[in-house]
Protein backbone atom coordinates (compact mmCIF):
# COMPACT_ATOMS: atom_id res chain seq x y z
CA UNK A 1 142.61 104.52 94.60
CA UNK A 2 142.95 101.61 92.20
CA UNK A 3 146.20 99.92 91.25
CA UNK A 4 147.23 100.39 87.65
CA UNK A 5 147.72 96.94 86.18
CA UNK A 6 150.15 96.06 83.45
CA UNK A 7 147.65 95.73 80.68
CA UNK A 8 150.08 94.83 77.90
CA UNK A 9 151.33 91.66 79.61
CA UNK A 10 149.29 88.56 78.86
CA UNK A 11 148.75 86.79 82.19
CA UNK A 12 149.77 83.15 82.60
CA UNK A 13 146.83 80.97 83.66
CA UNK A 14 148.78 77.74 84.05
CA UNK A 15 150.08 76.15 87.23
CA UNK A 16 146.94 76.36 89.36
CA UNK A 17 145.94 73.29 91.35
CA UNK A 18 142.74 71.28 91.06
CA UNK A 19 141.77 72.63 94.48
CA UNK A 20 141.84 76.17 93.08
CA UNK A 21 139.61 75.18 90.16
CA UNK A 22 137.14 73.48 92.50
CA UNK A 23 136.99 76.49 94.79
CA UNK A 24 136.49 79.00 91.98
CA UNK A 25 134.09 76.99 89.85
CA UNK A 26 132.01 74.94 92.27
CA UNK A 27 132.02 77.17 95.36
CA UNK A 28 131.26 80.28 93.32
CA UNK A 29 128.61 78.44 91.30
CA UNK A 30 126.94 77.39 94.53
CA UNK A 31 127.01 81.03 95.71
CA UNK A 32 125.33 82.11 92.47
CA UNK A 33 122.75 79.37 92.90
CA UNK A 34 122.04 80.34 96.53
CA UNK A 35 121.44 84.04 95.83
CA UNK A 36 120.49 84.43 92.16
CA UNK A 37 118.78 81.32 90.74
CA UNK A 38 115.04 81.00 91.24
CA UNK A 39 113.61 77.49 91.33
CA UNK A 40 110.08 76.34 92.23
CA UNK A 41 109.03 74.26 95.20
CA UNK A 42 105.49 72.95 95.72
CA UNK A 43 103.46 73.68 98.82
CA UNK A 44 104.52 71.46 101.72
CA UNK A 45 104.10 70.89 105.43
CA UNK A 46 106.51 68.80 107.50
CA UNK A 47 105.78 66.84 110.67
CA UNK A 48 108.46 65.37 112.95
CA UNK A 49 106.68 63.41 115.70
CA UNK A 50 104.70 66.04 117.63
CA UNK A 51 106.54 68.88 115.89
CA UNK A 52 104.17 70.25 113.25
CA UNK A 53 105.63 72.80 110.86
CA UNK A 54 103.48 75.56 109.42
CA UNK A 55 102.37 75.26 105.81
CA UNK A 56 104.80 76.66 103.23
CA UNK A 57 103.07 77.92 100.09
CA UNK A 58 104.30 76.97 96.65
CA UNK A 59 106.66 79.56 95.22
CA UNK A 60 109.62 80.07 92.92
CA UNK A 61 112.53 81.89 94.55
CA UNK A 62 116.24 81.54 95.37
CA UNK A 63 117.69 79.03 97.84
CA UNK A 64 118.24 81.52 100.69
CA UNK A 65 114.60 82.64 100.44
CA UNK A 66 113.37 79.01 100.37
CA UNK A 67 115.38 78.27 103.52
CA UNK A 68 114.03 81.40 105.20
CA UNK A 69 110.47 80.22 104.56
CA UNK A 70 111.41 76.73 105.82
CA UNK A 71 112.86 78.05 109.10
CA UNK A 72 109.88 80.38 109.57
CA UNK A 73 107.52 77.44 109.18
CA UNK A 74 109.56 75.35 111.61
CA UNK A 75 109.96 77.94 114.37
CA UNK A 76 107.01 80.29 114.02
CA UNK A 77 103.94 79.37 111.99
CA UNK A 78 103.73 75.75 113.21
CA UNK A 79 103.06 74.44 116.72
CA UNK A 80 106.65 75.04 117.90
CA UNK A 81 106.69 78.81 118.20
CA UNK A 82 110.26 79.37 119.32
CA UNK A 83 111.01 82.67 117.57
CA UNK A 84 109.84 85.04 120.36
CA UNK A 85 112.09 83.18 122.83
CA UNK A 86 115.02 83.20 120.39
CA UNK A 87 114.61 86.93 119.80
CA UNK A 88 114.46 87.56 123.55
CA UNK A 89 117.67 85.60 124.06
CA UNK A 90 119.31 87.73 121.36
CA UNK A 91 118.05 90.77 123.24
CA UNK A 92 119.78 89.49 126.38
CA UNK A 93 122.96 89.09 124.32
CA UNK A 94 122.59 92.71 123.18
CA UNK A 95 122.35 93.90 126.80
CA UNK A 96 125.42 91.85 127.73
CA UNK A 97 127.22 93.47 124.81
CA UNK A 98 126.10 96.92 125.98
CA UNK A 99 127.16 96.58 129.60
CA UNK A 100 129.98 94.03 129.65
CA UNK A 101 131.54 93.14 126.28
CA UNK A 102 131.88 96.58 124.63
CA UNK A 103 130.88 99.02 127.35
CA UNK A 104 133.21 101.83 126.27
CA UNK A 105 132.19 101.56 122.61
CA UNK A 106 128.53 102.14 123.44
CA UNK A 107 128.62 104.47 126.45
CA UNK A 108 131.82 106.50 126.12
CA UNK A 109 132.40 106.93 122.41
CA UNK A 110 129.77 109.50 121.32
CA UNK A 111 126.41 110.98 122.23
CA UNK A 112 124.73 109.19 119.32
CA UNK A 113 126.09 105.81 120.47
CA UNK A 114 124.86 106.48 124.00
CA UNK A 115 121.42 107.52 122.76
CA UNK A 116 121.10 104.38 120.65
CA UNK A 117 122.17 102.30 123.63
CA UNK A 118 119.36 103.77 125.72
CA UNK A 119 116.86 103.11 122.92
CA UNK A 120 118.05 99.50 122.73
CA UNK A 121 117.23 99.10 126.42
CA UNK A 122 113.70 100.38 125.78
CA UNK A 123 113.50 97.97 122.84
CA UNK A 124 114.53 95.11 125.09
CA UNK A 125 111.72 96.02 127.51
CA UNK A 126 109.21 95.83 124.64
CA UNK A 127 110.74 92.54 123.48
CA UNK A 128 110.45 91.11 127.00
CA UNK A 129 106.82 92.18 127.39
CA UNK A 130 106.06 90.69 123.95
CA UNK A 131 107.57 87.32 124.91
CA UNK A 132 105.70 87.24 128.24
CA UNK A 133 102.39 88.08 126.57
CA UNK A 134 102.94 85.53 123.80
CA UNK A 135 103.79 82.59 126.08
CA UNK A 136 101.85 83.45 129.24
CA UNK A 137 99.02 85.67 128.00
CA UNK A 138 99.84 88.53 130.38
CA UNK A 139 101.09 92.07 129.91
CA UNK A 140 101.13 95.04 132.31
CA UNK A 141 98.08 97.27 131.82
CA UNK A 142 100.15 100.30 130.83
CA UNK A 143 101.37 98.33 127.78
CA UNK A 144 97.84 97.84 126.45
CA UNK A 145 98.56 100.21 123.54
CA UNK A 146 101.17 97.73 122.30
CA UNK A 147 98.76 94.78 122.25
CA UNK A 148 95.58 96.46 120.94
CA UNK A 149 94.61 96.24 117.27
CA UNK A 150 95.52 99.26 115.14
CA UNK A 151 93.50 100.09 112.03
CA UNK A 152 96.45 101.26 109.90
CA UNK A 153 98.11 97.83 110.17
CA UNK A 154 94.98 95.89 109.23
CA UNK A 155 93.71 95.61 112.81
CA UNK A 156 96.77 93.73 114.05
CA UNK A 157 98.41 94.70 117.33
CA UNK A 158 101.69 96.59 117.12
CA UNK A 159 103.35 93.73 119.01
CA UNK A 160 102.24 91.07 116.53
CA UNK A 161 102.92 93.24 113.47
CA UNK A 162 106.50 93.99 114.55
CA UNK A 163 107.13 90.34 115.44
CA UNK A 164 105.46 88.71 112.42
CA UNK A 165 106.08 91.18 109.60
CA UNK A 166 109.50 92.57 110.50
CA UNK A 167 111.52 90.88 113.21
CA UNK A 168 111.18 87.22 112.29
CA UNK A 169 111.93 87.55 108.58
CA UNK A 170 114.93 89.80 109.23
CA UNK A 171 116.33 87.55 111.94
CA UNK A 172 116.06 84.43 109.86
CA UNK A 173 117.50 86.12 106.77
CA UNK A 174 120.56 87.60 108.53
CA UNK A 175 122.26 84.34 109.63
CA UNK A 176 121.24 82.43 106.50
CA UNK A 177 122.61 85.16 104.23
CA UNK A 178 125.79 85.36 106.29
CA UNK A 179 126.28 81.59 106.10
CA UNK A 180 126.11 81.52 102.29
CA UNK A 181 127.89 84.83 101.62
CA UNK A 182 131.46 83.35 101.63
CA UNK A 183 130.54 81.25 98.57
CA UNK A 184 129.67 84.46 96.76
CA UNK A 185 132.53 86.70 97.89
CA UNK A 186 135.39 84.53 99.13
CA UNK A 187 136.46 82.25 96.27
CA UNK A 188 137.14 84.49 93.30
CA UNK A 189 133.72 85.34 91.87
CA UNK A 190 133.84 88.94 93.11
CA UNK A 191 137.31 89.40 91.56
CA UNK A 192 136.25 87.83 88.26
CA UNK A 193 133.20 90.07 87.90
CA UNK A 194 135.00 93.06 89.38
CA UNK A 195 137.68 93.33 86.73
CA UNK A 196 135.06 93.18 83.98
CA UNK A 197 132.44 95.38 85.67
CA UNK A 198 134.90 98.09 86.69
CA UNK A 199 134.61 99.74 83.26
CA UNK A 200 131.07 100.91 84.09
CA UNK A 201 130.91 100.74 87.90
CA UNK A 202 133.75 103.23 88.42
CA UNK A 203 132.62 106.00 86.04
CA UNK A 204 128.91 105.66 86.81
CA UNK A 205 128.75 104.88 90.53
CA UNK A 206 132.31 105.70 91.71
CA UNK A 207 132.74 102.09 92.83
CA UNK A 208 135.14 99.24 92.11
CA UNK A 209 133.81 96.56 89.81
CA UNK A 210 133.78 94.02 92.65
CA UNK A 211 130.93 96.01 94.22
CA UNK A 212 128.60 94.80 91.45
CA UNK A 213 128.20 91.31 92.92
CA UNK A 214 127.35 92.59 96.38
CA UNK A 215 124.96 95.21 95.00
CA UNK A 216 123.02 92.73 92.88
CA UNK A 217 122.92 90.10 95.63
CA UNK A 218 121.54 92.70 98.07
CA UNK A 219 118.77 93.62 95.65
CA UNK A 220 117.91 89.99 94.95
CA UNK A 221 118.28 88.54 98.45
CA UNK A 222 118.19 91.13 101.26
CA UNK A 223 119.64 94.46 102.34
CA UNK A 224 121.34 92.43 105.08
CA UNK A 225 123.54 90.77 102.42
CA UNK A 226 124.65 94.19 101.22
CA UNK A 227 125.46 95.46 104.71
CA UNK A 228 127.41 92.36 105.72
CA UNK A 229 129.13 92.14 102.33
CA UNK A 230 130.16 95.82 102.26
CA UNK A 231 131.39 95.61 105.85
CA UNK A 232 133.42 92.51 105.04
CA UNK A 233 134.99 94.16 101.99
CA UNK A 234 135.91 97.22 104.09
CA UNK A 235 137.37 95.21 106.97
CA UNK A 236 139.50 93.13 104.58
CA UNK A 237 140.85 96.17 102.74
CA UNK A 238 139.10 95.45 99.46
CA UNK A 239 137.01 98.62 99.62
CA UNK A 240 137.81 101.97 101.15
CA UNK A 241 135.55 103.90 103.51
CA UNK A 242 133.63 105.83 100.86
CA UNK A 243 133.13 102.82 98.59
CA UNK A 244 131.83 100.62 101.38
CA UNK A 245 129.40 103.31 102.54
CA UNK A 246 128.12 103.87 98.99
CA UNK A 247 127.42 100.16 98.60
CA UNK A 248 125.90 99.94 102.09
CA UNK A 249 123.58 102.92 101.62
CA UNK A 250 122.82 103.04 97.90
CA UNK A 251 122.19 99.43 96.81
CA UNK A 252 120.81 97.82 99.97
CA UNK A 253 117.16 98.40 99.18
CA UNK A 254 114.13 96.16 99.45
CA UNK A 255 114.69 92.76 97.85
CA UNK A 256 112.42 91.36 95.15
CA UNK A 257 110.55 89.48 97.88
CA UNK A 258 109.71 92.73 99.63
CA UNK A 259 108.79 94.33 96.30
CA UNK A 260 106.22 91.57 95.87
CA UNK A 261 104.71 92.46 99.24
CA UNK A 262 104.64 96.16 98.36
CA UNK A 263 103.04 95.45 94.98
CA UNK A 264 100.37 93.23 96.54
CA UNK A 265 99.58 95.75 99.29
CA UNK A 266 99.23 98.53 96.72
CA UNK A 267 97.28 96.33 94.27
CA UNK A 268 99.90 96.60 91.52
CA UNK A 269 100.33 92.96 90.55
CA UNK A 270 98.61 93.55 87.21
CA UNK A 271 101.53 95.86 86.30
CA UNK A 272 104.23 93.89 88.15
CA UNK A 273 106.92 94.12 85.46
CA UNK A 274 106.41 97.85 84.99
CA UNK A 275 106.60 98.38 88.74
CA UNK A 276 109.64 96.11 89.24
CA UNK A 277 111.87 97.51 86.51
CA UNK A 278 110.88 101.14 86.96
CA UNK A 279 111.61 100.83 90.70
CA UNK A 280 115.12 99.56 89.96
CA UNK A 281 115.58 102.28 87.33
CA UNK A 282 114.62 104.97 89.87
CA UNK A 283 116.93 103.41 92.48
CA UNK A 284 119.87 103.61 90.05
CA UNK A 285 119.02 107.16 88.93
CA UNK A 286 118.90 108.35 92.53
CA UNK A 287 122.20 106.60 93.27
CA UNK A 288 123.78 108.10 90.15
CA UNK A 289 123.09 111.58 91.55
CA UNK A 290 123.60 110.95 95.26
CA UNK A 291 127.16 109.57 94.93
CA UNK A 292 128.18 112.91 93.40
CA UNK A 293 126.82 115.19 96.14
CA UNK A 294 127.15 115.65 99.89
CA UNK A 295 127.67 113.66 102.07
CA UNK A 296 128.85 110.71 99.94
CA UNK A 297 131.25 112.76 97.81
CA UNK A 298 132.95 114.14 100.94
CA UNK A 299 133.66 110.81 102.67
CA UNK A 300 137.36 109.95 102.72
CA UNK A 301 138.99 107.24 100.63
CA UNK A 302 140.87 105.87 103.64
CA UNK A 303 141.00 102.14 104.36
CA UNK A 304 140.14 100.30 107.55
CA UNK A 305 142.75 100.97 110.23
CA UNK A 306 145.28 98.18 110.68
CA UNK A 307 144.33 96.46 107.41
CA UNK A 308 146.51 96.21 104.31
CA UNK A 309 144.62 97.81 101.39
CA UNK A 310 143.86 95.55 98.42
CA UNK A 311 142.60 98.05 95.82
CA UNK A 312 141.31 96.83 92.51
CA UNK A 313 143.76 96.57 89.64
CA UNK A 314 143.10 98.42 86.40
CA UNK A 315 143.82 96.66 83.12
CA UNK A 316 143.72 97.98 79.57
CA UNK A 317 144.34 94.73 77.65
CA UNK A 318 143.64 91.03 78.12
CA UNK A 319 140.90 92.02 80.55
CA UNK A 320 139.15 88.65 80.61
CA UNK A 321 142.38 86.75 81.24
CA UNK A 322 143.33 89.18 84.01
CA UNK A 323 139.88 88.69 85.53
CA UNK A 324 140.32 84.91 85.53
CA UNK A 325 143.84 85.18 86.96
CA UNK A 326 142.70 87.39 89.84
CA UNK A 327 139.89 84.95 90.55
CA UNK A 328 142.35 82.04 90.58
CA UNK A 329 144.69 83.94 92.91
CA UNK A 330 141.87 84.67 95.35
CA UNK A 331 140.63 81.07 95.26
CA UNK A 332 144.16 79.82 95.91
CA UNK A 333 144.76 82.05 98.95
CA UNK A 334 141.22 81.87 100.39
CA UNK A 335 141.01 80.79 104.02
CA UNK A 336 139.30 77.53 104.92
CA UNK A 337 135.54 77.55 104.62
CA UNK A 338 134.93 76.67 108.27
CA UNK A 339 137.17 79.48 109.49
CA UNK A 340 135.49 81.95 107.13
CA UNK A 341 132.03 80.93 108.34
CA UNK A 342 133.02 81.20 112.01
CA UNK A 343 134.41 84.69 111.47
CA UNK A 344 131.35 86.00 109.63
CA UNK A 345 128.89 84.34 112.02
CA UNK A 346 130.70 85.94 114.96
CA UNK A 347 130.08 89.35 113.39
CA UNK A 348 126.52 88.22 112.65
CA UNK A 349 125.75 87.68 116.35
CA UNK A 350 126.43 91.33 117.11
CA UNK A 351 124.15 92.36 114.24
CA UNK A 352 121.36 90.08 115.46
CA UNK A 353 121.54 91.33 119.02
CA UNK A 354 121.49 94.99 118.00
CA UNK A 355 118.64 94.47 115.55
CA UNK A 356 116.55 92.53 118.09
CA UNK A 357 116.29 95.52 120.40
CA UNK A 358 116.76 98.39 117.95
CA UNK A 359 114.21 97.11 115.46
CA UNK A 360 111.64 96.45 118.19
CA UNK A 361 111.96 100.00 119.49
CA UNK A 362 111.96 101.90 116.18
CA UNK A 363 109.19 99.87 114.55
CA UNK A 364 106.92 99.96 117.60
CA UNK A 365 107.38 103.63 118.45
CA UNK A 366 107.14 104.64 114.80
CA UNK A 367 103.74 102.99 114.39
CA UNK A 368 102.54 104.57 117.64
CA UNK A 369 103.61 108.05 116.47
CA UNK A 370 101.67 107.71 113.24
CA UNK A 371 98.60 105.93 114.59
CA UNK A 372 98.05 108.06 117.69
CA UNK A 373 99.73 111.44 117.06
CA UNK A 374 99.86 113.96 114.19
CA UNK A 375 103.65 114.32 114.42
CA UNK A 376 104.56 112.29 111.35
CA UNK A 377 101.75 113.84 109.32
CA UNK A 378 103.08 117.30 110.14
CA UNK A 379 106.60 116.27 109.18
CA UNK A 380 105.27 114.79 105.96
CA UNK A 381 104.09 118.19 104.73
CA UNK A 382 107.74 118.96 103.94
CA UNK A 383 107.43 116.58 100.97
CA UNK A 384 104.09 117.91 99.71
CA UNK A 385 105.65 120.18 97.03
CA UNK A 386 107.21 117.08 95.48
CA UNK A 387 104.31 114.63 95.80
CA UNK A 388 101.94 117.23 94.30
CA UNK A 389 103.86 117.06 91.01
CA UNK A 390 101.79 114.05 89.97
CA UNK A 391 98.94 113.88 92.50
CA UNK A 392 95.83 115.78 93.49
CA UNK A 393 95.98 117.86 96.67
CA UNK A 394 94.36 115.23 98.91
CA UNK A 395 96.42 112.36 97.55
CA UNK A 396 99.60 114.44 97.73
CA UNK A 397 99.05 114.88 101.47
CA UNK A 398 98.59 111.13 101.92
CA UNK A 399 101.68 110.43 99.82
CA UNK A 400 103.68 112.89 101.93
CA UNK A 401 102.65 111.00 105.06
CA UNK A 402 103.63 107.77 103.33
CA UNK A 403 107.08 109.18 102.62
CA UNK A 404 107.65 109.80 106.33
CA UNK A 405 106.20 106.39 107.18
CA UNK A 406 108.74 104.71 104.91
CA UNK A 407 111.41 106.00 107.29
CA UNK A 408 109.82 103.80 109.97
CA UNK A 409 109.33 100.67 107.84
CA UNK A 410 109.10 100.02 104.12
CA UNK A 411 105.77 98.18 104.31
CA UNK A 412 103.80 100.92 106.04
CA UNK A 413 103.32 103.39 103.10
CA UNK A 414 101.51 100.80 101.00
CA UNK A 415 99.09 100.07 103.85
CA UNK A 416 97.74 103.62 103.43
CA UNK A 417 96.44 102.69 99.96
CA UNK A 418 95.72 98.99 100.54
CA UNK A 419 91.97 99.61 100.80
CA UNK A 420 89.65 102.22 99.34
CA UNK A 421 89.62 104.05 96.01
CA UNK A 422 93.02 105.46 95.12
CA UNK A 423 94.51 106.52 91.82
CA UNK A 424 97.06 104.27 90.17
CA UNK A 425 99.62 107.04 90.48
CA UNK A 426 99.54 107.23 94.29
CA UNK A 427 99.48 103.44 94.64
CA UNK A 428 102.53 103.25 92.37
CA UNK A 429 104.37 106.01 94.26
CA UNK A 430 103.67 104.46 97.67
CA UNK A 431 105.24 101.22 96.45
CA UNK A 432 108.24 102.88 94.75
CA UNK A 433 109.25 105.44 97.39
CA UNK A 434 110.44 102.88 99.98
CA UNK A 435 112.57 101.18 97.31
CA UNK A 436 114.40 104.31 96.17
CA UNK A 437 114.78 106.02 99.55
CA UNK A 438 116.23 102.78 101.02
CA UNK A 439 116.75 103.93 104.64
CA UNK A 440 114.26 102.83 107.33
CA UNK A 441 114.55 102.72 111.10
CA UNK A 442 112.78 99.43 111.82
CA UNK A 443 115.60 97.15 110.65
CA UNK A 444 117.85 98.85 108.10
CA UNK A 445 119.42 101.42 110.44
CA UNK A 446 120.10 99.01 113.34
CA UNK A 447 121.59 96.53 110.86
CA UNK A 448 123.99 98.92 109.10
CA UNK A 449 125.18 100.41 112.39
CA UNK A 450 125.73 96.95 113.87
CA UNK A 451 127.85 95.66 110.97
CA UNK A 452 130.65 98.11 111.68
CA UNK A 453 130.45 100.13 108.47
CA UNK A 454 132.18 103.48 109.23
CA UNK A 455 129.11 105.69 108.90
CA UNK A 456 127.66 108.24 111.30
CA UNK A 457 123.97 108.46 112.12
CA UNK A 458 123.95 112.11 111.00
CA UNK A 459 125.21 110.99 107.58
CA UNK A 460 122.45 108.38 107.38
CA UNK A 461 119.83 111.07 108.05
CA UNK A 462 121.18 113.34 105.30
CA UNK A 463 121.47 110.43 102.85
CA UNK A 464 117.85 109.47 103.59
CA UNK A 465 116.60 113.04 103.06
CA UNK A 466 118.43 113.43 99.75
CA UNK A 467 117.34 110.03 98.49
CA UNK A 468 113.76 110.66 99.59
CA UNK A 469 113.42 113.95 97.72
CA UNK A 470 115.03 112.55 94.58
CA UNK A 471 112.94 109.36 94.74
CA UNK A 472 109.67 111.26 95.10
CA UNK A 473 110.55 113.48 92.12
CA UNK A 474 111.50 110.54 89.89
CA UNK A 475 108.53 108.45 91.07
CA UNK A 476 106.18 111.34 90.28
CA UNK A 477 107.68 111.81 86.81
CA UNK A 478 107.52 108.09 86.06
CA UNK A 479 103.91 107.96 87.31
CA UNK A 480 102.93 110.84 85.04
CA UNK A 481 104.51 109.16 82.01
CA UNK A 482 103.23 105.65 82.73
CA UNK A 483 99.69 106.30 83.98
CA UNK A 484 97.05 108.85 82.92
CA UNK A 485 95.67 111.14 85.61
CA UNK A 486 92.71 109.58 87.43
CA UNK A 487 93.48 106.02 86.35
CA UNK A 488 92.68 103.46 89.04
């Protein structure tokens, strides 16, 4: 519940130190620059003695994305391919966490936690075999399925696809996003925007206004930003349980960078703006409905145990001045930057370790199930009544399979329509469905469960199912309005 502010009293903005102004203005401005401002960089390739970076293509994107591409070039695409070893070390950290650091939390808390712990061990085995094969060229014969090219992922091996397309980008993005997140959330910007945005965030999405900054940064940068940001707000008492879960499950979709990949795979770049803005519109429409139905509407409004709640104030007058005052107050009382970074990076290590093993398992096994068994195709038939709204019978079956595939990884549905003759409607739907449904096992689920957000796996499954059905329906309706039947 929000605090009711004294709206009739004009707040005094005097008496704040220069340090407070610097923190609010310059630190927050740098946070905005890091996550929201696109700027171009030309193509480049760096060499440091014998260390040859990979080539980085020219692009215009935000600072965090530029740094992600830089680190990828330094540690993966060049001649110093350290990422498999780094990921394996993180996997070792995950095992140490499982068996020594937090044994009771993983093995004695619940059946779901125990099951996920077992799956992480299997993921670590796959990660170990991947590292051995990459550096020494050997893998046990019974792992040949993991290192053989698969047609549905453009002939790449499952091992390489999981490493190159999923693991590396996620594991570079997580620590970089965490390192810059305090600039965005810790020095008053969230409070400034929150007071102003509350007038539409609360009635529309049942969220405090301060959630707007985290939601937008997640959509622009990475779902990881949303998970870490929502978890941080919950653990500091600035959001309650339901609010943090809504932010963590309803706005942490594919970033614009991923949307570019989806659009290119589905050959939609000629309608990029239509695809981009309609995808966001569908995401918001689905969220508008889902926050009002089970399970999100039944989650309690309790705050993190042992933390003093800091609910958002509600003001009726002098709203802008109150927003500035709250921002000044936060900037004044903010902890030192180094301490804030150490705290968030400590949490980040647990996320990285869990994702290293969990992502490897879910992504690898998911691709195997689709490529070599009919299980996912059979499950996909459950969505056929909804995909057939806008598609022919044959394409509706493919789209239904794509819907299930998006639960494994967001890139996979678009690979079904990357080659061959497909209608514009199915190509559009295969690129939109992963954006609106949000949840996927390859990285999203391990990440949200590792950040400490108070959500159960059963709730995640129900949220995914509801969002999937709603997304397919809205995507089908949008496709029918935007594109004539049979258009390619």
